[in-house]
């Protein structure tokens, strides 16, 4: 009897470990999110992530620190890139759907023509929920080793990279929204645990 109980406990423990490992990095990546690369980065690469800067339409310099406390989706795009232009409306809809205190979508134009050319595209696409951000020197894209346009990177509330997706998808489809909500909710739980442990 004790041996049977012992074996059942071992099987249960093994099952719990497997389930925990399966969900350690988030839900299964399905549909368009199969391309979402969650490969861990080296400390050097993580440091470069924290160094990236870009400008808003008023020419103020911004970084991930300006958005601490939010899950951040950064999309690198340009007007000369048809897949980028096709993808932008879905990011605008995503910002409308889940943007707020816990999440922000940031679309950074890499156009060398700067603000005027990017603003024209925002108007043409009737983007109403995204703010205009610029990196005409491509400095941030170079630091992040952006090789494909568009490229989208998701960061947690502390500015740590969660994953990267190269190429175009519809960001307001169920799979991307589900993954982003998972990151929002899981970091909410982690922040709550940290506060509770501090008290």
Protein backbone atom coordinates (compact mmCIF):
# COMPACT_ATOMS: atom_id res chain seq x y z
CA UNK A 1 0.00 0.00 0.00
CA UNK A 2 2.78 2.42 0.96
CA UNK A 3 4.74 1.49 -2.18
CA UNK A 4 1.68 2.21 -4.39
CA UNK A 5 1.12 5.55 -2.65
CA UNK A 6 4.83 6.40 -3.05
CA UNK A 7 4.71 5.58 -6.79
CA UNK A 8 1.57 7.69 -7.26
CA UNK A 9 3.27 10.63 -5.50
CA UNK A 10 6.32 10.30 -7.77
CA UNK A 11 4.09 10.25 -10.88
CA UNK A 12 2.13 13.26 -9.64
CA UNK A 13 5.34 15.18 -8.87
CA UNK A 14 6.77 14.37 -12.31
CA UNK A 15 3.51 15.50 -13.98
CA UNK A 16 3.53 18.79 -12.05
CA UNK A 17 7.14 19.47 -13.04
CA UNK A 18 6.37 18.80 -16.73
CA UNK A 19 3.29 21.06 -16.67
CA UNK A 20 5.26 23.82 -14.93
CA UNK A 21 8.06 23.62 -17.51
CA UNK A 22 5.56 23.70 -20.38
CA UNK A 23 4.18 27.02 -19.17
CA UNK A 24 7.40 28.53 -17.78
CA UNK A 25 7.85 30.90 -20.73
CA UNK A 26 4.19 31.48 -21.47
CA UNK A 27 1.45 29.71 -23.35
CA UNK A 28 2.11 27.62 -26.44
CA UNK A 29 2.99 29.78 -29.44
CA UNK A 30 0.36 29.09 -32.07
CA UNK A 31 -0.74 30.61 -35.37
CA UNK A 32 1.28 33.69 -36.34
CA UNK A 33 3.05 33.64 -32.96
CA UNK A 34 4.99 30.49 -33.93
CA UNK A 35 7.58 32.95 -35.31
CA UNK A 36 7.90 34.71 -31.91
CA UNK A 37 11.50 34.05 -30.80
CA UNK A 38 11.84 33.74 -27.01
CA UNK A 39 15.48 32.60 -27.06
CA UNK A 40 17.20 33.95 -23.91
CA UNK A 41 19.69 36.76 -24.55
CA UNK A 42 23.19 37.20 -23.19
CA UNK A 43 23.75 39.86 -20.53
CA UNK A 44 25.51 41.98 -23.18
CA UNK A 45 22.46 41.81 -25.47
CA UNK A 46 20.15 42.67 -22.56
CA UNK A 47 22.35 45.68 -21.76
CA UNK A 48 22.06 46.87 -25.38
CA UNK A 49 18.26 46.61 -25.13
CA UNK A 50 18.35 49.03 -22.19
CA UNK A 51 20.48 51.51 -24.17
CA UNK A 52 18.10 52.02 -27.09
CA UNK A 53 16.58 55.46 -27.57
CA UNK A 54 14.21 57.06 -30.05
CA UNK A 55 12.43 60.40 -30.43
CA UNK A 56 8.82 61.48 -30.22
CA UNK A 57 7.30 63.93 -32.71
CA UNK A 58 8.45 66.84 -30.50
CA UNK A 59 12.06 65.59 -30.77
CA UNK A 60 12.21 64.47 -27.10
CA UNK A 61 14.53 61.51 -26.51
CA UNK A 62 12.78 58.46 -25.04
CA UNK A 63 13.83 55.00 -23.86
CA UNK A 64 12.25 51.95 -22.26
CA UNK A 65 12.65 53.71 -18.89
CA UNK A 66 9.90 56.14 -19.95
CA UNK A 67 7.48 53.20 -20.10
CA UNK A 68 8.52 51.28 -16.96
CA UNK A 69 5.59 49.50 -15.38
CA UNK A 70 4.05 48.60 -18.76
CA UNK A 71 4.49 45.67 -21.09
CA UNK A 72 5.93 47.35 -24.20
CA UNK A 73 5.63 46.25 -27.83
CA UNK A 74 8.12 48.08 -30.07
CA UNK A 75 7.60 47.78 -33.81
CA UNK A 76 10.28 48.96 -36.25
CA UNK A 77 8.80 50.07 -39.55
CA UNK A 78 9.41 52.36 -42.54
CA UNK A 79 7.25 53.89 -45.27
CA UNK A 80 9.34 52.19 -47.98
CA UNK A 81 8.53 48.74 -46.53
CA UNK A 82 5.14 47.45 -47.85
CA UNK A 83 4.76 44.71 -45.18
CA UNK A 84 5.43 47.34 -42.47
CA UNK A 85 2.73 49.62 -43.86
CA UNK A 86 0.29 46.69 -44.11
CA UNK A 87 0.99 45.71 -40.48
CA UNK A 88 0.63 49.17 -38.87
CA UNK A 89 -3.20 49.28 -38.81
CA UNK A 90 -3.27 46.03 -36.79
CA UNK A 91 -0.87 47.56 -34.24
CA UNK A 92 -3.10 50.64 -34.08
CA UNK A 93 -6.10 48.38 -33.37
CA UNK A 94 -4.05 46.43 -30.80
CA UNK A 95 -3.23 49.67 -28.96
CA UNK A 96 -6.93 50.54 -28.93
CA UNK A 97 -7.85 47.05 -27.71
CA UNK A 98 -5.36 46.55 -24.83
CA UNK A 99 -3.36 49.78 -24.51
CA UNK A 100 -3.49 51.68 -21.22
CA UNK A 101 -1.87 51.48 -17.78
CA UNK A 102 -0.46 47.98 -18.38
CA UNK A 103 0.50 47.96 -22.06
CA UNK A 104 1.71 50.26 -24.82
CA UNK A 105 2.43 49.67 -28.51
CA UNK A 106 5.25 51.83 -29.89
CA UNK A 107 5.77 52.05 -33.66
CA UNK A 108 9.21 53.52 -34.44
CA UNK A 109 9.74 54.85 -37.96
CA UNK A 110 13.21 54.24 -39.38
CA UNK A 111 12.59 56.59 -42.31
CA UNK A 112 15.56 58.85 -42.99
CA UNK A 113 13.09 61.51 -44.12
CA UNK A 114 12.04 61.79 -40.48
CA UNK A 115 8.85 63.23 -39.08
CA UNK A 116 7.15 64.59 -42.22
CA UNK A 117 7.24 61.38 -44.23
CA UNK A 118 6.15 59.24 -41.23
CA UNK A 119 3.33 61.67 -40.35
CA UNK A 120 2.01 61.47 -43.92
CA UNK A 121 1.84 57.69 -43.65
CA UNK A 122 0.07 57.87 -40.26
CA UNK A 123 -2.52 60.19 -41.85
CA UNK A 124 -2.91 58.04 -44.96
CA UNK A 125 -3.51 54.93 -42.81
CA UNK A 126 -5.81 56.88 -40.43
CA UNK A 127 -3.90 55.69 -37.36
CA UNK A 128 -5.62 57.19 -34.32
CA UNK A 129 -4.30 55.17 -31.36
CA UNK A 130 -0.54 55.14 -31.94
CA UNK A 131 1.84 57.99 -31.17
CA UNK A 132 4.49 58.89 -33.73
CA UNK A 133 8.04 57.83 -32.79
CA UNK A 134 11.18 58.23 -34.90
CA UNK A 135 14.70 56.85 -35.25
CA UNK A 136 15.92 58.34 -38.56
CA UNK A 137 19.56 57.43 -37.79
CA UNK A 138 18.59 53.76 -37.21
CA UNK A 139 20.73 53.75 -34.05
CA UNK A 140 18.28 51.68 -32.00
CA UNK A 141 17.70 49.24 -34.86
CA UNK A 142 21.45 48.73 -35.21
CA UNK A 143 21.90 48.10 -31.46
CA UNK A 144 19.09 45.54 -31.56
CA UNK A 145 20.51 43.90 -34.71
CA UNK A 146 17.31 44.40 -36.70
CA UNK A 147 17.79 42.48 -39.96
CA UNK A 148 14.21 42.15 -41.23
CA UNK A 149 11.48 44.74 -41.66
CA UNK A 150 9.13 44.87 -39.91
CA UNK A 151 10.53 43.57 -36.61
CA UNK A 152 8.61 43.68 -33.36
CA UNK A 153 10.10 43.20 -29.88
CA UNK A 154 8.11 42.76 -26.67
CA UNK A 155 9.52 43.86 -23.30
CA UNK A 156 8.24 43.20 -19.78
CA UNK A 157 7.41 45.91 -17.24
CA UNK A 158 11.08 46.23 -16.22
CA UNK A 159 12.38 46.59 -19.79
CA UNK A 160 13.59 42.99 -20.11
CA UNK A 161 13.05 41.45 -23.54
CA UNK A 162 10.41 38.72 -23.71
CA UNK A 163 10.71 37.93 -27.41
CA UNK A 164 11.07 39.12 -30.98
CA UNK A 165 9.07 38.54 -34.14
CA UNK A 166 10.55 39.20 -37.58
CA UNK A 167 8.08 39.83 -40.38
CA UNK A 168 4.46 40.94 -40.68
CA UNK A 169 1.51 39.59 -38.72
CA UNK A 170 -1.90 40.92 -37.70
CA UNK A 171 -1.22 41.95 -34.09
CA UNK A 172 -4.87 42.25 -33.12
CA UNK A 173 -5.66 38.61 -33.96
CA UNK A 174 -6.48 36.24 -31.07
CA UNK A 175 -3.05 34.53 -30.76
CA UNK A 176 -0.94 37.72 -30.38
CA UNK A 177 -3.53 39.30 -28.07
CA UNK A 178 -3.65 36.14 -25.93
CA UNK A 179 0.16 36.09 -25.58
CA UNK A 180 0.37 39.80 -24.74
CA UNK A 181 -2.42 39.48 -22.16
CA UNK A 182 -0.55 36.53 -20.66
CA UNK A 183 2.56 38.72 -20.27
CA UNK A 184 0.49 41.56 -18.81
CA UNK A 185 -1.23 39.26 -16.31
CA UNK A 186 1.86 37.24 -15.38
CA UNK A 187 3.86 40.38 -14.63
CA UNK A 188 0.91 41.67 -12.60
CA UNK A 189 1.15 38.49 -10.49
CA UNK A 190 4.94 38.86 -10.14
CA UNK A 191 4.58 42.50 -9.07
CA UNK A 192 1.91 41.52 -6.53
CA UNK A 193 4.19 38.79 -5.12
CA UNK A 194 7.07 41.28 -4.83
CA UNK A 195 4.89 43.77 -2.97
CA UNK A 196 3.56 41.06 -0.64
CA UNK A 197 7.07 39.79 0.11
CA UNK A 198 8.24 43.32 0.90
CA UNK A 199 5.40 43.86 3.42
